[in-house]
Amino acid sequence: QTIEIPANATARICLPATDPAKVTESGK
């Protein structure tokens, strides 16, 4: 998933996962 959030806003992103170890952002 690619997500863009504008300046001065925040976001809660809900992901189809239960294990944080299997989630990366920009490869990290």
mmCIF file of all heavy atoms, coordinates in Angstrom:
data_MODEL
# 
_entry.id   MODEL 
# 
loop_
_atom_site.group_PDB 
_atom_site.id 
_atom_site.type_symbol 
_atom_site.label_atom_id 
_atom_site.label_alt_id 
_atom_site.label_comp_id 
_atom_site.label_asym_id 
_atom_site.label_entity_id 
_atom_site.label_seq_id 
_atom_site.pdbx_PDB_ins_code 
_atom_site.Cartn_x 
_atom_site.Cartn_y 
_atom_site.Cartn_z 
_atom_site.occupancy 
_atom_site.B_iso_or_equiv 
_atom_site.pdbx_formal_charge 
_atom_site.auth_seq_id 
_atom_site.auth_comp_id 
_atom_site.auth_asym_id 
_atom_site.auth_atom_id 
_atom_site.pdbx_PDB_model_num 
ATOM 1   N N   . GLN A 1 1  ? 0.822   -1.197  0.000  1.00 0.00 ? 1  GLN A N   1 
ATOM 2   C CA  . GLN A 1 1  ? 0.000   0.000   0.000  1.00 0.00 ? 1  GLN A CA  1 
ATOM 3   C C   . GLN A 1 1  ? 0.860   1.253   0.000  1.00 0.00 ? 1  GLN A C   1 
ATOM 4   O O   . GLN A 1 1  ? 1.860   1.347   0.728  1.00 0.00 ? 1  GLN A O   1 
ATOM 5   C CB  . GLN A 1 1  ? -0.914  0.008   1.232  1.00 0.00 ? 1  GLN A CB  1 
ATOM 6   C CG  . GLN A 1 1  ? -1.936  1.135   1.236  1.00 0.00 ? 1  GLN A CG  1 
ATOM 7   C CD  . GLN A 1 1  ? -2.965  0.978   2.337  1.00 0.00 ? 1  GLN A CD  1 
ATOM 8   O OE1 . GLN A 1 1  ? -2.727  0.280   3.318  1.00 0.00 ? 1  GLN A OE1 1 
ATOM 9   N NE2 . GLN A 1 1  ? -4.104  1.616   2.194  1.00 0.00 ? 1  GLN A NE2 1 
ATOM 10  N N   . THR A 1 2  ? 0.456   2.214   -0.841 1.00 0.00 ? 2  THR A N   1 
ATOM 11  C CA  . THR A 1 2  ? 1.081   3.539   -0.852 1.00 0.00 ? 2  THR A CA  1 
ATOM 12  C C   . THR A 1 2  ? 0.072   4.542   -0.325 1.00 0.00 ? 2  THR A C   1 
ATOM 13  O O   . THR A 1 2  ? -1.057  4.610   -0.837 1.00 0.00 ? 2  THR A O   1 
ATOM 14  C CB  . THR A 1 2  ? 1.534   3.936   -2.265 1.00 0.00 ? 2  THR A CB  1 
ATOM 15  O OG1 . THR A 1 2  ? 2.488   2.997   -2.739 1.00 0.00 ? 2  THR A OG1 1 
ATOM 16  C CG2 . THR A 1 2  ? 2.159   5.328   -2.252 1.00 0.00 ? 2  THR A CG2 1 
ATOM 17  N N   . ILE A 1 3  ? 0.479   5.307   0.663  1.00 0.00 ? 3  ILE A N   1 
ATOM 18  C CA  . ILE A 1 3  ? -0.429  6.243   1.332  1.00 0.00 ? 3  ILE A CA  1 
ATOM 19  C C   . ILE A 1 3  ? 0.221   7.614   1.383  1.00 0.00 ? 3  ILE A C   1 
ATOM 20  O O   . ILE A 1 3  ? 1.416   7.738   1.692  1.00 0.00 ? 3  ILE A O   1 
ATOM 21  C CB  . ILE A 1 3  ? -0.744  5.766   2.768  1.00 0.00 ? 3  ILE A CB  1 
ATOM 22  C CG1 . ILE A 1 3  ? -1.493  4.430   2.727  1.00 0.00 ? 3  ILE A CG1 1 
ATOM 23  C CG2 . ILE A 1 3  ? -1.548  6.814   3.537  1.00 0.00 ? 3  ILE A CG2 1 
ATOM 24  C CD1 . ILE A 1 3  ? -1.550  3.732   4.054  1.00 0.00 ? 3  ILE A CD1 1 
ATOM 25  N N   . GLU A 1 4  ? -0.570  8.623   1.079  1.00 0.00 ? 4  GLU A N   1 
ATOM 26  C CA  . GLU A 1 4  ? -0.089  10.002  1.179  1.00 0.00 ? 4  GLU A CA  1 
ATOM 27  C C   . GLU A 1 4  ? -0.979  10.776  2.147  1.00 0.00 ? 4  GLU A C   1 
ATOM 28  O O   . GLU A 1 4  ? -2.199  10.784  1.999  1.00 0.00 ? 4  GLU A O   1 
ATOM 29  C CB  . GLU A 1 4  ? -0.092  10.678  -0.192 1.00 0.00 ? 4  GLU A CB  1 
ATOM 30  C CG  . GLU A 1 4  ? 0.495   12.080  -0.174 1.00 0.00 ? 4  GLU A CG  1 
ATOM 31  C CD  . GLU A 1 4  ? 0.714   12.654  -1.571 1.00 0.00 ? 4  GLU A CD  1 
ATOM 32  O OE1 . GLU A 1 4  ? 0.561   11.888  -2.548 1.00 0.00 ? 4  GLU A OE1 1 
ATOM 33  O OE2 . GLU A 1 4  ? 1.041   13.852  -1.676 1.00 0.00 ? 4  GLU A OE2 1 
ATOM 34  N N   . ILE A 1 5  ? -0.360  11.406  3.135  1.00 0.00 ? 5  ILE A N   1 
ATOM 35  C CA  . ILE A 1 5  ? -1.057  12.178  4.155  1.00 0.00 ? 5  ILE A CA  1 
ATOM 36  C C   . ILE A 1 5  ? -0.591  13.628  4.053  1.00 0.00 ? 5  ILE A C   1 
ATOM 37  O O   . ILE A 1 5  ? 0.616   13.893  4.040  1.00 0.00 ? 5  ILE A O   1 
ATOM 38  C CB  . ILE A 1 5  ? -0.774  11.621  5.564  1.00 0.00 ? 5  ILE A CB  1 
ATOM 39  C CG1 . ILE A 1 5  ? -1.118  10.134  5.644  1.00 0.00 ? 5  ILE A CG1 1 
ATOM 40  C CG2 . ILE A 1 5  ? -1.538  12.421  6.625  1.00 0.00 ? 5  ILE A CG2 1 
ATOM 41  C CD1 . ILE A 1 5  ? -2.559  9.802   5.328  1.00 0.00 ? 5  ILE A CD1 1 
ATOM 42  N N   . PRO A 1 6  ? -1.518  14.583  3.987  1.00 0.00 ? 6  PRO A N   1 
ATOM 43  C CA  . PRO A 1 6  ? -1.114  15.981  3.782  1.00 0.00 ? 6  PRO A CA  1 
ATOM 44  C C   . PRO A 1 6  ? -0.499  16.602  5.034  1.00 0.00 ? 6  PRO A C   1 
ATOM 45  O O   . PRO A 1 6  ? -0.622  16.077  6.154  1.00 0.00 ? 6  PRO A O   1 
ATOM 46  C CB  . PRO A 1 6  ? -2.431  16.670  3.425  1.00 0.00 ? 6  PRO A CB  1 
ATOM 47  C CG  . PRO A 1 6  ? -3.484  15.842  4.080  1.00 0.00 ? 6  PRO A CG  1 
ATOM 48  C CD  . PRO A 1 6  ? -2.980  14.431  4.022  1.00 0.00 ? 6  PRO A CD  1 
ATOM 49  N N   . ALA A 1 7  ? 0.124   17.739  4.848  1.00 0.00 ? 7  ALA A N   1 
ATOM 50  C CA  . ALA A 1 7  ? 0.761   18.464  5.951  1.00 0.00 ? 7  ALA A CA  1 
ATOM 51  C C   . ALA A 1 7  ? -0.267  18.855  7.005  1.00 0.00 ? 7  ALA A C   1 
ATOM 52  O O   . ALA A 1 7  ? -1.428  19.137  6.698  1.00 0.00 ? 7  ALA A O   1 
ATOM 53  C CB  . ALA A 1 7  ? 1.468   19.708  5.417  1.00 0.00 ? 7  ALA A CB  1 
ATOM 54  N N   . ASN A 1 8  ? 0.180   18.864  8.255  1.00 0.00 ? 8  ASN A N   1 
ATOM 55  C CA  . ASN A 1 8  ? -0.638  19.275  9.406  1.00 0.00 ? 8  ASN A CA  1 
ATOM 56  C C   . ASN A 1 8  ? -1.787  18.317  9.703  1.00 0.00 ? 8  ASN A C   1 
ATOM 57  O O   . ASN A 1 8  ? -2.714  18.675  10.437 1.00 0.00 ? 8  ASN A O   1 
ATOM 58  C CB  . ASN A 1 8  ? -1.183  20.690  9.219  1.00 0.00 ? 8  ASN A CB  1 
ATOM 59  C CG  . ASN A 1 8  ? -0.070  21.714  9.100  1.00 0.00 ? 8  ASN A CG  1 
ATOM 60  O OD1 . ASN A 1 8  ? 0.882   21.674  9.874  1.00 0.00 ? 8  ASN A OD1 1 
ATOM 61  N ND2 . ASN A 1 8  ? -0.181  22.589  8.128  1.00 0.00 ? 8  ASN A ND2 1 
ATOM 62  N N   . ALA A 1 9  ? -1.746  17.133  9.123  1.00 0.00 ? 9  ALA A N   1 
ATOM 63  C CA  . ALA A 1 9  ? -2.751  16.102  9.405  1.00 0.00 ? 9  ALA A CA  1 
ATOM 64  C C   . ALA A 1 9  ? -2.046  14.854  9.923  1.00 0.00 ? 9  ALA A C   1 
ATOM 65  O O   . ALA A 1 9  ? -0.845  14.668  9.715  1.00 0.00 ? 9  ALA A O   1 
ATOM 66  C CB  . ALA A 1 9  ? -3.566  15.774  8.161  1.00 0.00 ? 9  ALA A CB  1 
ATOM 67  N N   . THR A 1 10 ? -2.806  14.003  10.611 1.00 0.00 ? 10 THR A N   1 
ATOM 68  C CA  . THR A 1 10 ? -2.283  12.725  11.082 1.00 0.00 ? 10 THR A CA  1 
ATOM 69  C C   . THR A 1 10 ? -3.187  11.616  10.569 1.00 0.00 ? 10 THR A C   1 
ATOM 70  O O   . THR A 1 10 ? -4.312  11.874  10.130 1.00 0.00 ? 10 THR A O   1 
ATOM 71  C CB  . THR A 1 10 ? -2.223  12.671  12.619 1.00 0.00 ? 10 THR A CB  1 
ATOM 72  O OG1 . THR A 1 10 ? -3.551  12.844  13.150 1.00 0.00 ? 10 THR A OG1 1 
ATOM 73  C CG2 . THR A 1 10 ? -1.316  13.756  13.166 1.00 0.00 ? 10 THR A CG2 1 
ATOM 74  N N   . ALA A 1 11 ? -2.698  10.390  10.644 1.00 0.00 ? 11 ALA A N   1 
ATOM 75  C CA  . ALA A 1 11 ? -3.489  9.273   10.124 1.00 0.00 ? 11 ALA A CA  1 
ATOM 76  C C   . ALA A 1 11 ? -3.307  8.030   10.981 1.00 0.00 ? 11 ALA A C   1 
ATOM 77  O O   . ALA A 1 11 ? -2.239  7.785   11.542 1.00 0.00 ? 11 ALA A O   1 
ATOM 78  C CB  . ALA A 1 11 ? -3.107  8.969   8.681  1.00 0.00 ? 11 ALA A CB  1 
ATOM 79  N N   . ARG A 1 12 ? -4.380  7.266   11.054 1.00 0.00 ? 12 ARG A N   1 
ATOM 80  C CA  . ARG A 1 12 ? -4.357  5.921   11.632 1.00 0.00 ? 12 ARG A CA  1 
ATOM 81  C C   . ARG A 1 12 ? -4.539  4.945   10.482 1.00 0.00 ? 12 ARG A C   1 
ATOM 82  O O   . ARG A 1 12 ? -5.578  4.921   9.841  1.00 0.00 ? 12 ARG A O   1 
ATOM 83  C CB  . ARG A 1 12 ? -5.458  5.769   12.673 1.00 0.00 ? 12 ARG A CB  1 
ATOM 84  C CG  . ARG A 1 12 ? -5.596  4.370   13.244 1.00 0.00 ? 12 ARG A CG  1 
ATOM 85  C CD  . ARG A 1 12 ? -6.511  4.341   14.461 1.00 0.00 ? 12 ARG A CD  1 
ATOM 86  N NE  . ARG A 1 12 ? -7.844  4.827   14.147 1.00 0.00 ? 12 ARG A NE  1 
ATOM 87  C CZ  . ARG A 1 12 ? -8.869  4.051   13.759 1.00 0.00 ? 12 ARG A CZ  1 
ATOM 88  N NH1 . ARG A 1 12 ? -8.670  2.743   13.599 1.00 0.00 ? 12 ARG A NH1 1 
ATOM 89  N NH2 . ARG A 1 12 ? -10.054 4.555   13.529 1.00 0.00 ? 12 ARG A NH2 1 
ATOM 90  N N   . ILE A 1 13 ? -3.521  4.148   10.220 1.00 0.00 ? 13 ILE A N   1 
ATOM 91  C CA  . ILE A 1 13 ? -3.525  3.214   9.096  1.00 0.00 ? 13 ILE A CA  1 
ATOM 92  C C   . ILE A 1 13 ? -3.804  1.814   9.615  1.00 0.00 ? 13 ILE A C   1 
ATOM 93  O O   . ILE A 1 13 ? -3.071  1.295   10.461 1.00 0.00 ? 13 ILE A O   1 
ATOM 94  C CB  . ILE A 1 13 ? -2.177  3.247   8.346  1.00 0.00 ? 13 ILE A CB  1 
ATOM 95  C CG1 . ILE A 1 13 ? -1.866  4.669   7.870  1.00 0.00 ? 13 ILE A CG1 1 
ATOM 96  C CG2 . ILE A 1 13 ? -2.190  2.269   7.179  1.00 0.00 ? 13 ILE A CG2 1 
ATOM 97  C CD1 . ILE A 1 13 ? -0.452  4.833   7.330  1.00 0.00 ? 13 ILE A CD1 1 
ATOM 98  N N   . CYS A 1 14 ? -4.876  1.206   9.125  1.00 0.00 ? 14 CYS A N   1 
ATOM 99  C CA  . CYS A 1 14 ? -5.270  -0.147  9.550  1.00 0.00 ? 14 CYS A CA  1 
ATOM 100 C C   . CYS A 1 14 ? -4.772  -1.148  8.519  1.00 0.00 ? 14 CYS A C   1 
ATOM 101 O O   . CYS A 1 14 ? -5.081  -1.027  7.329  1.00 0.00 ? 14 CYS A O   1 
ATOM 102 C CB  . CYS A 1 14 ? -6.790  -0.232  9.685  1.00 0.00 ? 14 CYS A CB  1 
ATOM 103 S SG  . CYS A 1 14 ? -7.494  0.998   10.816 1.00 0.00 ? 14 CYS A SG  1 
ATOM 104 N N   . LEU A 1 15 ? -4.007  -2.129  8.968  1.00 0.00 ? 15 LEU A N   1 
ATOM 105 C CA  . LEU A 1 15 ? -3.363  -3.072  8.054  1.00 0.00 ? 15 LEU A CA  1 
ATOM 106 C C   . LEU A 1 15 ? -3.850  -4.507  8.283  1.00 0.00 ? 15 LEU A C   1 
ATOM 107 O O   . LEU A 1 15 ? -4.132  -4.897  9.422  1.00 0.00 ? 15 LEU A O   1 
ATOM 108 C CB  . LEU A 1 15 ? -1.844  -3.032  8.250  1.00 0.00 ? 15 LEU A CB  1 
ATOM 109 C CG  . LEU A 1 15 ? -1.169  -1.687  7.922  1.00 0.00 ? 15 LEU A CG  1 
ATOM 110 C CD1 . LEU A 1 15 ? 0.283   -1.715  8.361  1.00 0.00 ? 15 LEU A CD1 1 
ATOM 111 C CD2 . LEU A 1 15 ? -1.276  -1.386  6.440  1.00 0.00 ? 15 LEU A CD2 1 
ATOM 112 N N   . PRO A 1 16 ? -3.930  -5.298  7.219  1.00 0.00 ? 16 PRO A N   1 
ATOM 113 C CA  . PRO A 1 16 ? -4.339  -6.708  7.337  1.00 0.00 ? 16 PRO A CA  1 
ATOM 114 C C   . PRO A 1 16 ? -3.189  -7.561  7.851  1.00 0.00 ? 16 PRO A C   1 
ATOM 115 O O   . PRO A 1 16 ? -2.617  -8.379  7.123  1.00 0.00 ? 16 PRO A O   1 
ATOM 116 C CB  . PRO A 1 16 ? -4.734  -7.063  5.897  1.00 0.00 ? 16 PRO A CB  1 
ATOM 117 C CG  . PRO A 1 16 ? -3.852  -6.193  5.058  1.00 0.00 ? 16 PRO A CG  1 
ATOM 118 C CD  . PRO A 1 16 ? -3.708  -4.903  5.819  1.00 0.00 ? 16 PRO A CD  1 
ATOM 119 N N   . ALA A 1 17 ? -2.817  -7.348  9.119  1.00 0.00 ? 17 ALA A N   1 
ATOM 120 C CA  . ALA A 1 17 ? -1.693  -8.068  9.710  1.00 0.00 ? 17 ALA A CA  1 
ATOM 121 C C   . ALA A 1 17 ? -1.898  -8.164  11.217 1.00 0.00 ? 17 ALA A C   1 
ATOM 122 O O   . ALA A 1 17 ? -2.582  -7.328  11.818 1.00 0.00 ? 17 ALA A O   1 
ATOM 123 C CB  . ALA A 1 17 ? -0.380  -7.359  9.402  1.00 0.00 ? 17 ALA A CB  1 
ATOM 124 N N   . THR A 1 18 ? -1.317  -9.160  11.816 1.00 0.00 ? 18 THR A N   1 
ATOM 125 C CA  . THR A 1 18 ? -1.368  -9.310  13.272 1.00 0.00 ? 18 THR A CA  1 
ATOM 126 C C   . THR A 1 18 ? 0.026   -9.296  13.893 1.00 0.00 ? 18 THR A C   1 
ATOM 127 O O   . THR A 1 18 ? 0.166   -9.108  15.096 1.00 0.00 ? 18 THR A O   1 
ATOM 128 C CB  . THR A 1 18 ? -2.067  -10.625 13.655 1.00 0.00 ? 18 THR A CB  1 
ATOM 129 O OG1 . THR A 1 18 ? -1.396  -11.724 13.009 1.00 0.00 ? 18 THR A OG1 1 
ATOM 130 C CG2 . THR A 1 18 ? -3.524  -10.608 13.213 1.00 0.00 ? 18 THR A CG2 1 
ATOM 131 N N   . ASP A 1 19 ? 1.056   -9.485  13.061 1.00 0.00 ? 19 ASP A N   1 
ATOM 132 C CA  . ASP A 1 19 ? 2.432   -9.527  13.549 1.00 0.00 ? 19 ASP A CA  1 
ATOM 133 C C   . ASP A 1 19 ? 3.205   -8.325  13.013 1.00 0.00 ? 19 ASP A C   1 
ATOM 134 O O   . ASP A 1 19 ? 3.470   -8.238  11.812 1.00 0.00 ? 19 ASP A O   1 
ATOM 135 C CB  . ASP A 1 19 ? 3.097   -10.828 13.091 1.00 0.00 ? 19 ASP A CB  1 
ATOM 136 C CG  . ASP A 1 19 ? 4.511   -10.993 13.631 1.00 0.00 ? 19 ASP A CG  1 
ATOM 137 O OD1 . ASP A 1 19 ? 4.986   -10.094 14.354 1.00 0.00 ? 19 ASP A OD1 1 
ATOM 138 O OD2 . ASP A 1 19 ? 5.147   -12.012 13.322 1.00 0.00 ? 19 ASP A OD2 1 
ATOM 139 N N   . PRO A 1 20 ? 3.622   -7.394  13.874 1.00 0.00 ? 20 PRO A N   1 
ATOM 140 C CA  . PRO A 1 20 ? 4.372   -6.209  13.405 1.00 0.00 ? 20 PRO A CA  1 
ATOM 141 C C   . PRO A 1 20 ? 5.660   -6.574  12.685 1.00 0.00 ? 20 PRO A C   1 
ATOM 142 O O   . PRO A 1 20 ? 6.133   -5.803  11.839 1.00 0.00 ? 20 PRO A O   1 
ATOM 143 C CB  . PRO A 1 20 ? 4.657   -5.441  14.703 1.00 0.00 ? 20 PRO A CB  1 
ATOM 144 C CG  . PRO A 1 20 ? 3.636   -5.920  15.672 1.00 0.00 ? 20 PRO A CG  1 
ATOM 145 C CD  . PRO A 1 20 ? 3.374   -7.351  15.330 1.00 0.00 ? 20 PRO A CD  1 
ATOM 146 N N   . ALA A 1 21 ? 6.238   -7.741  12.992 1.00 0.00 ? 21 ALA A N   1 
ATOM 147 C CA  . ALA A 1 21 ? 7.492   -8.140  12.365 1.00 0.00 ? 21 ALA A CA  1 
ATOM 148 C C   . ALA A 1 21 ? 7.337   -8.364  10.864 1.00 0.00 ? 21 ALA A C   1 
ATOM 149 O O   . ALA A 1 21 ? 8.336   -8.386  10.126 1.00 0.00 ? 21 ALA A O   1 
ATOM 150 C CB  . ALA A 1 21 ? 8.027   -9.406  13.026 1.00 0.00 ? 21 ALA A CB  1 
ATOM 151 N N   . LYS A 1 22 ? 6.091   -8.552  10.406 1.00 0.00 ? 22 LYS A N   1 
ATOM 152 C CA  . LYS A 1 22 ? 5.857   -8.790  8.981  1.00 0.00 ? 22 LYS A CA  1 
ATOM 153 C C   . LYS A 1 22 ? 5.468   -7.513  8.230  1.00 0.00 ? 22 LYS A C   1 
ATOM 154 O O   . LYS A 1 22 ? 5.073   -7.578  7.067  1.00 0.00 ? 22 LYS A O   1 
ATOM 155 C CB  . LYS A 1 22 ? 4.764   -9.839  8.811  1.00 0.00 ? 22 LYS A CB  1 
ATOM 156 C CG  . LYS A 1 22 ? 5.164   -11.223 9.308  1.00 0.00 ? 22 LYS A CG  1 
ATOM 157 C CD  . LYS A 1 22 ? 4.111   -12.253 8.961  1.00 0.00 ? 22 LYS A CD  1 
ATOM 158 C CE  . LYS A 1 22 ? 4.567   -13.652 9.381  1.00 0.00 ? 22 LYS A CE  1 
ATOM 159 N NZ  . LYS A 1 22 ? 3.578   -14.695 8.997  1.00 0.00 ? 22 LYS A NZ  1 
ATOM 160 N N   . VAL A 1 23 ? 5.585   -6.368  8.890  1.00 0.00 ? 23 VAL A N   1 
ATOM 161 C CA  . VAL A 1 23 ? 5.200   -5.092  8.284  1.00 0.00 ? 23 VAL A CA  1 
ATOM 162 C C   . VAL A 1 23 ? 6.429   -4.215  8.120  1.00 0.00 ? 23 VAL A C   1 
ATOM 163 O O   . VAL A 1 23 ? 7.192   -3.995  9.065  1.00 0.00 ? 23 VAL A O   1 
ATOM 164 C CB  . VAL A 1 23 ? 4.157   -4.355  9.147  1.00 0.00 ? 23 VAL A CB  1 
ATOM 165 C CG1 . VAL A 1 23 ? 3.729   -3.061  8.467  1.00 0.00 ? 23 VAL A CG1 1 
ATOM 166 C CG2 . VAL A 1 23 ? 2.945   -5.249  9.409  1.00 0.00 ? 23 VAL A CG2 1 
ATOM 167 N N   . THR A 1 24 ? 6.615   -3.705  6.895  1.00 0.00 ? 24 THR A N   1 
ATOM 168 C CA  . THR A 1 24 ? 7.712   -2.776  6.623  1.00 0.00 ? 24 THR A CA  1 
ATOM 169 C C   . THR A 1 24 ? 7.177   -1.518  5.957  1.00 0.00 ? 24 THR A C   1 
ATOM 170 O O   . THR A 1 24 ? 6.117   -1.531  5.340  1.00 0.00 ? 24 THR A O   1 
ATOM 171 C CB  . THR A 1 24 ? 8.779   -3.413  5.715  1.00 0.00 ? 24 THR A CB  1 
ATOM 172 O OG1 . THR A 1 24 ? 8.162   -3.766  4.452  1.00 0.00 ? 24 THR A OG1 1 
ATOM 173 C CG2 . THR A 1 24 ? 9.389   -4.646  6.347  1.00 0.00 ? 24 THR A CG2 1 
ATOM 174 N N   . GLU A 1 25 ? 7.948   -0.442  6.103  1.00 0.00 ? 25 GLU A N   1 
ATOM 175 C CA  . GLU A 1 25 ? 7.640   0.811   5.400  1.00 0.00 ? 25 GLU A CA  1 
ATOM 176 C C   . GLU A 1 25 ? 8.912   1.253   4.696  1.00 0.00 ? 25 GLU A C   1 
ATOM 177 O O   . GLU A 1 25 ? 9.963   1.436   5.331  1.00 0.00 ? 25 GLU A O   1 
ATOM 178 C CB  . GLU A 1 25 ? 7.168   1.886   6.384  1.00 0.00 ? 25 GLU A CB  1 
ATOM 179 C CG  . GLU A 1 25 ? 6.542   3.106   5.738  1.00 0.00 ? 25 GLU A CG  1 
ATOM 180 C CD  . GLU A 1 25 ? 7.553   4.057   5.112  1.00 0.00 ? 25 GLU A CD  1 
ATOM 181 O OE1 . GLU A 1 25 ? 8.551   4.388   5.786  1.00 0.00 ? 25 GLU A OE1 1 
ATOM 182 O OE2 . GLU A 1 25 ? 7.344   4.477   3.936  1.00 0.00 ? 25 GLU A OE2 1 
ATOM 183 N N   . SER A 1 26 ? 8.819   1.404   3.362  1.00 0.00 ? 26 SER A N   1 
ATOM 184 C CA  . SER A 1 26 ? 9.989   1.725   2.534  1.00 0.00 ? 26 SER A CA  1 
ATOM 185 C C   . SER A 1 26 ? 11.121  0.728   2.783  1.00 0.00 ? 26 SER A C   1 
ATOM 186 O O   . SER A 1 26 ? 12.308  1.090   2.808  1.00 0.00 ? 26 SER A O   1 
ATOM 187 C CB  . SER A 1 26 ? 10.469  3.152   2.809  1.00 0.00 ? 26 SER A CB  1 
ATOM 188 O OG  . SER A 1 26 ? 9.485   4.093   2.413  1.00 0.00 ? 26 SER A OG  1 
ATOM 189 N N   . GLY A 1 27 ? 10.738  -0.538  2.989  1.00 0.00 ? 27 GLY A N   1 
ATOM 190 C CA  . GLY A 1 27 ? 11.723  -1.599  3.155  1.00 0.00 ? 27 GLY A CA  1 
ATOM 191 C C   . GLY A 1 27 ? 12.283  -1.754  4.543  1.00 0.00 ? 27 GLY A C   1 
ATOM 192 O O   . GLY A 1 27 ? 13.094  -2.656  4.791  1.00 0.00 ? 27 GLY A O   1 
ATOM 193 N N   . LYS A 1 28 ? 11.852  -0.902  5.496  1.00 0.00 ? 28 LYS A N   1 
ATOM 194 C CA  . LYS A 1 28 ? 12.371  -0.960  6.855  1.00 0.00 ? 28 LYS A CA  1 
ATOM 195 C C   . LYS A 1 28 ? 11.276  -1.403  7.823  1.00 0.00 ? 28 LYS A C   1 
ATOM 196 O O   . LYS A 1 28 ? 10.121  -1.001  7.666  1.00 0.00 ? 28 LYS A O   1 
ATOM 197 C CB  . LYS A 1 28 ? 12.912  0.401   7.272  1.00 0.00 ? 28 LYS A CB  1 
ATOM 198 C CG  . LYS A 1 28 ? 14.027  0.920   6.374  1.00 0.00 ? 28 LYS A CG  1 
ATOM 199 C CD  . LYS A 1 28 ? 14.460  2.317   6.808  1.00 0.00 ? 28 LYS A CD  1 
ATOM 200 C CE  . LYS A 1 28 ? 15.551  2.858   5.886  1.00 0.00 ? 28 LYS A CE  1 
ATOM 201 N NZ  . LYS A 1 28 ? 15.957  4.240   6.285  1.00 0.00 ? 28 LYS A NZ  1 
# 
